[in-house]
Amino acid sequence: MGDQVRISGDALQLPGGVTVRFMRTLRLPETGTHPLPPGIGTFPLRRVSDHPDTAPEEWLARGGVMLPVYQREAMWLSFSASAPAALQVGVGKVCAVSGRPWSDRLSQDPQNYVVLPRQPWLDGINSGSGTIRQFVAVPLGLGATVEGQVTGEEVWGGVQLQVSELGEEQLAAWRAEQRRRESTRRAAFGGYGGAPGAMPMAAPAAAPPPAPGGAPRPAGGATRSPVSMGLGAGGRMRQEVYRDDRKPSDWRDRPSGRVFVHLTTVPEWRRITGEPAPPSPVNRAAYTAAGLPWFDYYDADAEDLAAPGTLGRVKPVGDWLGEDESPWVAPHPGQVKQLGDGNQVTDGDW
């Protein structure tokens, strides 16, 4: 199932035309409710299997990909899909939507997935009432991750993704409806392929190739314990997790692909890959002071999922590591913008 996943630049391509990017962003304060912070570039991705001599053995057993992240750095997941898909998102094998243990099957009671392409992104765990708590990276072993607080142990860390596609009949009906809408749209613009002024999106720049084999393994062939990271809960922001309006039977019985995303410290990334990691993110006060945009997104036609009790009780990482001391400057109203509606990856045992 995992051999259906590929890396394309700094993006993951999953079955069903689903693309996921891991975006670096500004960390929010853990008090108050805030607009969506900006994306400030993608995290680089590398296949674990490309580094058999330097990657931790348990990572090689789980397969998938890895990315470098600074302690308490925040991230969000950007989604696109060429057809409807159901995407499960796990943090340490705890569902980021329902708060339940990871499952190989879709569930609507409670819903344990996001619906693409309607859900354009996910910035954190579902805290209900149109909000989420930001994904923030913390080391395993402190108990600060969502996994540690929900399950009482920290075994997995990382991020888990699994995609399910529409059934054949439902997909055929959806495609027929898309063709009908495209025909209507073309007629409205005199037969041209798009509306006036439409511009194609530029393709993301390709990531540099990984260093062959990464850095050498320590003398004597001894493996080091992995310095793994998981995701904890950060500040609260306005973002809805949309309820699926399809019947459970519309989706295929079995998922089409899955991938384990390992989060590693910056020094461990350098040791494994031989590559430098991206520089630390920009100071959030400097970003706001420069007048750069923050965002708000709301879909009035979609129903928001209620907060699961388990995720609603998760404490922010500041309870373990102290509040972030970098200055916070709230964006003024004019800075908050309203938004409208490769390479094959191996899978392993997880």
Protein backbone atom coordinates (compact mmCIF):
# COMPACT_ATOMS: atom_id res chain seq x y z
CA MET A 1 0.00 0.00 0.00
CA GLY A 2 2.84 2.39 0.82
CA ASP A 3 4.46 1.84 -2.58
CA GLN A 4 1.68 4.01 -4.03
CA VAL A 5 3.22 7.11 -2.38
CA ARG A 6 5.89 9.22 -4.07
CA ILE A 7 7.97 12.30 -3.33
CA SER A 8 7.75 15.17 -5.82
CA GLY A 9 10.04 18.02 -4.77
CA ASP A 10 9.00 18.82 -1.20
CA ALA A 11 5.53 17.29 -1.58
CA LEU A 12 4.05 13.85 -1.03
CA GLN A 13 1.87 12.44 -3.80
CA LEU A 14 -0.65 9.87 -2.57
CA PRO A 15 -3.15 7.80 -4.57
CA GLY A 16 -6.31 9.47 -5.81
CA GLY A 17 -4.50 12.61 -6.94
CA VAL A 18 -3.84 13.75 -3.35
CA THR A 19 -0.86 16.01 -2.66
CA VAL A 20 0.33 16.94 0.85
CA ARG A 21 2.92 19.57 1.70
CA PHE A 22 4.38 20.21 5.15
CA MET A 23 4.53 23.96 5.68
CA ARG A 24 6.73 25.88 8.12
CA THR A 25 4.90 28.63 9.97
CA LEU A 26 4.96 31.04 12.91
CA ARG A 27 4.18 29.68 16.33
CA LEU A 28 1.17 31.30 18.02
CA PRO A 29 0.82 32.28 21.69
CA GLU A 30 -0.99 29.66 23.76
CA THR A 31 -3.57 32.14 25.03
CA GLY A 32 -6.32 33.70 22.93
CA THR A 33 -7.65 32.71 19.50
CA HIS A 34 -5.79 33.89 16.42
CA PRO A 35 -6.08 34.09 12.62
CA LEU A 36 -4.20 31.61 10.44
CA PRO A 37 -0.43 32.25 10.39
CA PRO A 38 1.36 32.32 7.03
CA GLY A 39 3.31 29.57 5.35
CA ILE A 40 7.02 30.46 5.24
CA GLY A 41 8.24 27.64 3.04
CA THR A 42 8.03 23.87 2.92
CA PHE A 43 9.91 21.37 5.04
CA PRO A 44 12.31 19.26 2.95
CA LEU A 45 11.41 15.57 2.62
CA ARG A 46 13.71 12.59 2.16
CA ARG A 47 13.00 8.89 1.88
CA VAL A 48 14.15 6.90 4.89
CA SER A 49 15.15 4.01 2.61
CA ASP A 50 17.76 6.23 0.89
CA HIS A 51 19.81 6.23 4.11
CA PRO A 52 20.12 2.58 5.16
CA ASP A 53 23.51 3.10 6.84
CA THR A 54 22.60 6.12 8.97
CA ALA A 55 18.83 6.14 9.58
CA PRO A 56 17.66 4.48 12.83
CA GLU A 57 16.71 0.85 12.33
CA GLU A 58 13.18 1.34 13.66
CA TRP A 59 12.65 4.11 11.10
CA LEU A 60 13.87 1.81 8.33
CA ALA A 61 11.40 -0.81 9.57
CA ARG A 62 8.52 1.69 9.41
CA GLY A 63 9.56 3.09 6.04
CA GLY A 64 8.20 6.39 4.82
CA VAL A 65 9.90 9.77 4.80
CA MET A 66 11.57 12.17 7.22
CA LEU A 67 11.80 15.91 7.67
CA PRO A 68 13.85 18.17 10.01
CA VAL A 69 12.09 20.37 12.54
CA TYR A 70 13.29 22.66 15.31
CA GLN A 71 12.01 22.10 18.85
CA ARG A 72 8.73 23.99 19.28
CA GLU A 73 8.62 24.90 15.59
CA ALA A 74 5.06 24.98 14.22
CA MET A 75 3.81 23.39 11.02
CA TRP A 76 0.65 23.01 9.00
CA LEU A 77 -0.40 20.55 6.32
CA SER A 78 -1.43 21.84 2.91
CA PHE A 79 -3.75 19.61 0.83
CA SER A 80 -4.82 19.40 -2.79
CA ALA A 81 -6.69 16.67 -4.63
CA SER A 82 -7.77 16.12 -8.23
CA ALA A 83 -10.81 14.10 -7.07
CA PRO A 84 -12.67 13.65 -3.76
CA ALA A 85 -10.66 11.71 -1.19
CA ALA A 86 -10.76 10.93 2.53
CA LEU A 87 -7.43 11.59 4.26
CA GLN A 88 -6.66 10.28 7.73
CA VAL A 89 -4.10 12.31 9.71
CA GLY A 90 -2.42 10.79 12.75
CA VAL A 91 -0.06 12.41 15.27
CA GLY A 92 1.80 9.63 17.06
CA LYS A 93 -0.96 7.28 15.80
CA VAL A 94 -3.67 9.37 17.49
CA CYS A 95 -6.25 10.74 15.05
CA ALA A 96 -5.89 14.53 14.80
CA VAL A 97 -9.62 14.82 13.98
CA SER A 98 -11.34 12.42 16.40
CA GLY A 99 -8.75 11.93 19.15
CA ARG A 100 -9.22 8.16 18.86
CA PRO A 101 -6.44 5.58 18.32
CA TRP A 102 -5.24 5.15 14.75
CA SER A 103 -7.45 2.91 12.61
CA ASP A 104 -6.93 1.29 9.23
CA ARG A 105 -10.59 2.02 8.41
CA LEU A 106 -12.64 5.15 7.90
CA SER A 107 -15.22 6.04 10.53
CA GLN A 108 -17.96 8.68 10.57
CA ASP A 109 -18.96 8.19 14.20
CA PRO A 110 -16.76 9.87 15.16
CA GLN A 111 -15.32 11.10 11.87
CA ASN A 112 -11.62 10.21 11.71
CA TYR A 113 -10.57 11.92 8.46
CA VAL A 114 -10.69 15.16 6.51
CA VAL A 115 -12.48 15.41 3.17
CA LEU A 116 -10.46 16.64 0.19
CA PRO A 117 -10.45 18.91 -1.71
CA ARG A 118 -12.97 20.71 0.55
CA GLN A 119 -10.46 20.78 3.45
CA PRO A 120 -7.59 22.88 2.03
CA TRP A 121 -5.30 22.53 5.05
CA LEU A 122 -5.00 21.39 8.64
CA ASP A 123 -2.97 23.46 11.11
CA GLY A 124 -3.44 21.36 14.24
CA ILE A 125 -5.64 19.05 16.30
CA ASN A 126 -9.40 19.56 16.21
CA SER A 127 -10.51 21.58 19.25
CA GLY A 128 -14.05 22.23 17.96
CA SER A 129 -16.21 25.35 17.67
CA GLY A 130 -14.39 26.35 14.50
CA THR A 131 -10.90 26.16 16.05
CA ILE A 132 -7.81 23.96 16.12
CA ARG A 133 -4.70 23.90 18.34
CA GLN A 134 -1.53 24.39 16.36
CA PHE A 135 0.85 21.52 15.55
CA VAL A 136 4.06 22.22 17.51
CA ALA A 137 7.11 19.92 17.48
CA VAL A 138 8.44 18.57 20.78
CA PRO A 139 10.84 15.71 21.63
CA LEU A 140 9.45 12.35 22.66
CA GLY A 141 9.92 11.41 26.30
CA LEU A 142 8.56 14.51 28.00
CA GLY A 143 4.89 13.53 27.80
CA ALA A 144 4.07 16.81 26.04
CA THR A 145 2.94 15.31 22.72
CA VAL A 146 -0.69 14.64 21.85
CA GLU A 147 0.26 10.95 21.77
CA GLY A 148 1.68 11.08 25.29
CA GLN A 149 -1.31 12.88 26.77
CA VAL A 150 -3.96 10.74 25.06
CA THR A 151 -2.34 7.28 25.35
CA GLY A 152 -0.04 7.72 28.35
CA GLU A 153 3.06 6.70 26.38
CA GLU A 154 5.20 8.00 23.51
CA VAL A 155 6.06 5.19 21.13
CA TRP A 156 5.47 6.43 17.60
CA GLY A 157 5.87 10.19 17.22
CA GLY A 158 5.79 11.66 13.74
CA VAL A 159 2.79 12.06 11.44
CA GLN A 160 0.80 9.31 9.76
CA LEU A 161 -1.23 9.77 6.56
CA GLN A 162 -3.64 7.35 4.92
CA VAL A 163 -5.90 8.03 1.93
CA SER A 164 -9.14 6.38 0.79
CA GLU A 165 -10.75 6.99 -2.60
CA LEU A 166 -14.35 7.09 -3.77
CA GLY A 167 -15.94 3.87 -4.98
CA GLU A 168 -15.95 3.32 -8.74
CA GLU A 169 -19.60 4.28 -9.26
CA GLN A 170 -19.35 7.38 -7.08
CA LEU A 171 -16.13 8.47 -8.80
CA ALA A 172 -17.67 8.01 -12.25
CA ALA A 173 -20.70 10.10 -11.20
CA TRP A 174 -18.42 12.83 -9.81
CA ARG A 175 -16.39 12.94 -13.03
CA ALA A 176 -19.55 13.17 -15.14
CA GLU A 177 -20.70 16.12 -13.03
CA GLN A 178 -17.29 17.80 -13.43
CA ARG A 179 -17.51 17.41 -17.23
CA ARG A 180 -20.98 18.95 -17.21
CA ARG A 181 -19.78 21.92 -15.16
CA GLU A 182 -16.72 22.37 -17.38
CA SER A 183 -18.91 22.38 -20.48
CA THR A 184 -21.16 25.02 -18.92
CA ARG A 185 -18.16 27.13 -17.90
CA ARG A 186 -16.59 26.97 -21.36
CA ALA A 187 -19.86 28.02 -22.97
CA ALA A 188 -20.08 31.00 -20.61
CA PHE A 189 -16.63 32.23 -21.75
CA GLY A 190 -17.11 31.71 -25.46
CA GLY A 191 -15.37 28.36 -25.69
CA TYR A 192 -12.09 29.37 -24.09
CA GLY A 193 -10.51 27.06 -21.53
CA GLY A 194 -10.70 29.40 -18.56
CA ALA A 195 -12.04 32.63 -17.19
CA PRO A 196 -10.30 35.87 -18.25
CA GLY A 197 -7.16 36.49 -16.25
CA ALA A 198 -6.81 32.88 -15.06
CA MET A 199 -3.17 31.98 -14.55
CA PRO A 200 -1.70 28.52 -13.91
CA MET A 201 0.04 27.96 -10.62
CA ALA A 202 3.80 27.63 -10.80
CA ALA A 203 5.20 24.21 -9.99
CA PRO A 204 7.19 24.05 -6.76
CA ALA A 205 10.95 23.99 -7.14
CA ALA A 206 12.49 20.56 -6.93
CA ALA A 207 14.43 19.73 -3.80
CA PRO A 208 18.14 18.97 -4.13
CA PRO A 209 18.96 15.26 -4.37
CA PRO A 210 19.85 13.54 -1.12
CA ALA A 211 23.48 12.93 -0.32
CA PRO A 212 24.39 9.38 -1.41
CA GLY A 213 23.96 7.18 1.62
CA GLY A 214 24.05 10.09 4.03
CA ALA A 215 26.81 10.45 6.62
CA PRO A 216 28.81 7.33 7.63
CA ARG A 217 27.48 5.12 10.41
CA PRO A 218 29.44 5.32 13.68
CA ALA A 219 32.50 3.06 13.95
CA GLY A 220 31.80 -0.58 14.58
CA GLY A 221 28.37 -0.43 12.90
CA ALA A 222 26.62 0.61 16.11
CA THR A 223 23.28 2.34 15.63
CA ARG A 224 22.28 5.39 17.62
CA SER A 225 18.98 5.84 19.34
CA PRO A 226 16.81 8.10 17.17
CA VAL A 227 16.18 11.63 18.37
CA SER A 228 12.52 11.55 17.39
CA MET A 229 10.00 14.34 17.58
CA GLY A 230 6.25 14.29 17.96
CA LEU A 231 3.52 16.91 17.74
CA GLY A 232 2.04 18.70 20.72
CA ALA A 233 -0.72 21.30 20.95
CA GLY A 234 0.13 24.97 20.57
CA GLY A 235 -1.93 28.13 20.27
CA ARG A 236 -5.57 28.16 19.21
CA MET A 237 -6.60 29.52 15.81
CA ARG A 238 -9.79 29.90 13.84
CA GLN A 239 -10.11 26.94 11.49
CA GLU A 240 -12.92 24.49 10.81
CA VAL A 241 -12.61 20.75 10.31
CA TYR A 242 -15.46 19.93 7.96
CA ARG A 243 -17.99 17.15 8.38
CA ASP A 244 -18.29 14.66 5.54
CA ASP A 245 -21.66 14.94 3.77
CA ARG A 246 -21.26 11.65 1.89
CA LYS A 247 -22.51 8.24 2.98
CA PRO A 248 -19.89 5.87 4.43
CA SER A 249 -20.63 3.46 1.56
CA ASP A 250 -19.43 6.06 -0.97
CA TRP A 251 -15.82 5.36 0.01
CA ARG A 252 -13.84 2.25 -0.91
CA ASP A 253 -13.59 -0.47 1.71
CA ARG A 254 -9.80 -0.38 1.83
CA PRO A 255 -7.38 2.59 1.85
CA SER A 256 -5.28 3.15 -1.27
CA GLY A 257 -2.04 4.33 0.30
CA ARG A 258 -0.37 5.38 3.51
CA VAL A 259 2.94 6.88 4.68
CA PHE A 260 4.77 7.39 7.96
CA VAL A 261 6.42 10.83 8.28
CA HIS A 262 9.29 10.87 10.80
CA LEU A 263 10.12 14.18 12.49
CA THR A 264 13.77 14.54 13.39
CA THR A 265 15.89 17.13 15.16
CA VAL A 266 18.12 19.35 13.04
CA PRO A 267 21.42 17.76 14.27
CA GLU A 268 20.02 14.27 13.58
CA TRP A 269 18.95 15.35 10.09
CA ARG A 270 22.50 16.48 9.34
CA ARG A 271 23.93 13.24 10.70
CA ILE A 272 21.58 11.02 8.70
CA THR A 273 21.49 12.87 5.38
CA GLY A 274 24.70 14.90 5.37
CA GLU A 275 22.61 17.92 4.38
CA PRO A 276 22.10 21.22 6.18
CA ALA A 277 18.64 21.91 7.56
CA PRO A 278 16.68 25.07 6.74
CA PRO A 279 17.45 28.10 8.93
CA SER A 280 15.25 28.77 11.93
CA PRO A 281 11.96 30.52 11.05
CA VAL A 282 11.58 34.29 11.02
CA ASN A 283 10.72 36.04 14.29
CA ARG A 284 6.92 36.39 14.47
CA ALA A 285 7.06 39.98 15.77
CA ALA A 286 9.29 41.00 12.86
CA TYR A 287 6.90 39.33 10.40
CA THR A 288 3.88 41.22 11.75
CA ALA A 289 5.76 44.50 12.10
CA ALA A 290 6.68 44.29 8.42
CA GLY A 291 2.97 44.38 7.55
CA LEU A 292 2.92 40.88 6.00
CA PRO A 293 -0.42 39.06 5.85
CA TRP A 294 -2.22 36.68 8.18
CA PHE A 295 -5.34 34.83 7.00
CA ASP A 296 -8.93 33.93 7.79
CA TYR A 297 -10.86 31.18 6.00
CA TYR A 298 -14.50 30.25 6.49
CA ASP A 299 -16.82 28.03 4.45
CA ALA A 300 -20.42 28.86 5.31
CA ASP A 301 -21.70 25.85 3.34
CA ALA A 302 -19.82 23.25 5.38
CA GLU A 303 -20.57 21.84 8.83
CA ASP A 304 -17.79 21.97 11.41
CA LEU A 305 -16.98 18.88 13.49
CA ALA A 306 -17.47 19.10 17.25
CA ALA A 307 -14.43 18.82 19.48
CA PRO A 308 -13.62 15.26 20.63
CA GLY A 309 -13.29 15.08 24.41
CA THR A 310 -9.81 13.57 24.29
CA LEU A 311 -8.34 16.33 22.14
CA GLY A 312 -10.23 19.04 24.01
CA ARG A 313 -8.34 18.08 27.17
CA VAL A 314 -4.86 18.13 25.62
CA LYS A 315 -2.64 20.73 27.32
CA PRO A 316 -0.34 23.06 25.37
CA VAL A 317 3.37 22.30 25.16
CA GLY A 318 4.13 25.42 27.19
CA ASP A 319 2.94 23.55 30.29
CA TRP A 320 6.08 21.38 29.93
CA LEU A 321 8.61 23.68 28.28
CA GLY A 322 7.47 27.13 29.38
CA GLU A 323 5.81 29.81 27.28
CA ASP A 324 7.52 30.93 24.10
CA GLU A 325 9.52 34.03 25.03
CA SER A 326 9.74 35.52 21.53
CA PRO A 327 7.71 38.73 21.31
CA TRP A 328 4.13 38.65 20.06
CA VAL A 329 2.65 41.53 18.07
CA ALA A 330 -0.99 41.02 17.13
CA PRO A 331 -1.71 41.74 13.46
CA HIS A 332 -3.88 44.76 12.80
CA PRO A 333 -7.20 44.13 10.95
CA GLY A 334 -5.79 45.18 7.59
CA GLN A 335 -3.17 42.41 7.75
CA VAL A 336 -5.74 39.61 8.08
CA LYS A 337 -6.70 38.53 4.56
CA GLN A 338 -10.01 36.73 3.93
CA LEU A 339 -9.67 33.61 1.78
CA GLY A 340 -12.47 32.02 -0.27
CA ASP A 341 -13.46 28.74 -0.91
CA GLY A 342 8.85 11.25 -8.21
CA ASN A 343 10.18 9.22 -6.13
CA GLN A 344 8.51 6.12 -4.77
CA VAL A 345 8.24 5.84 -0.97
CA THR A 346 8.49 2.50 0.77
CA ASP A 347 6.09 1.46 3.50
CA GLY A 348 6.88 -0.60 6.58
CA ASP A 349 5.37 -2.12 9.69
CA TRP A 350 3.56 0.43 11.86
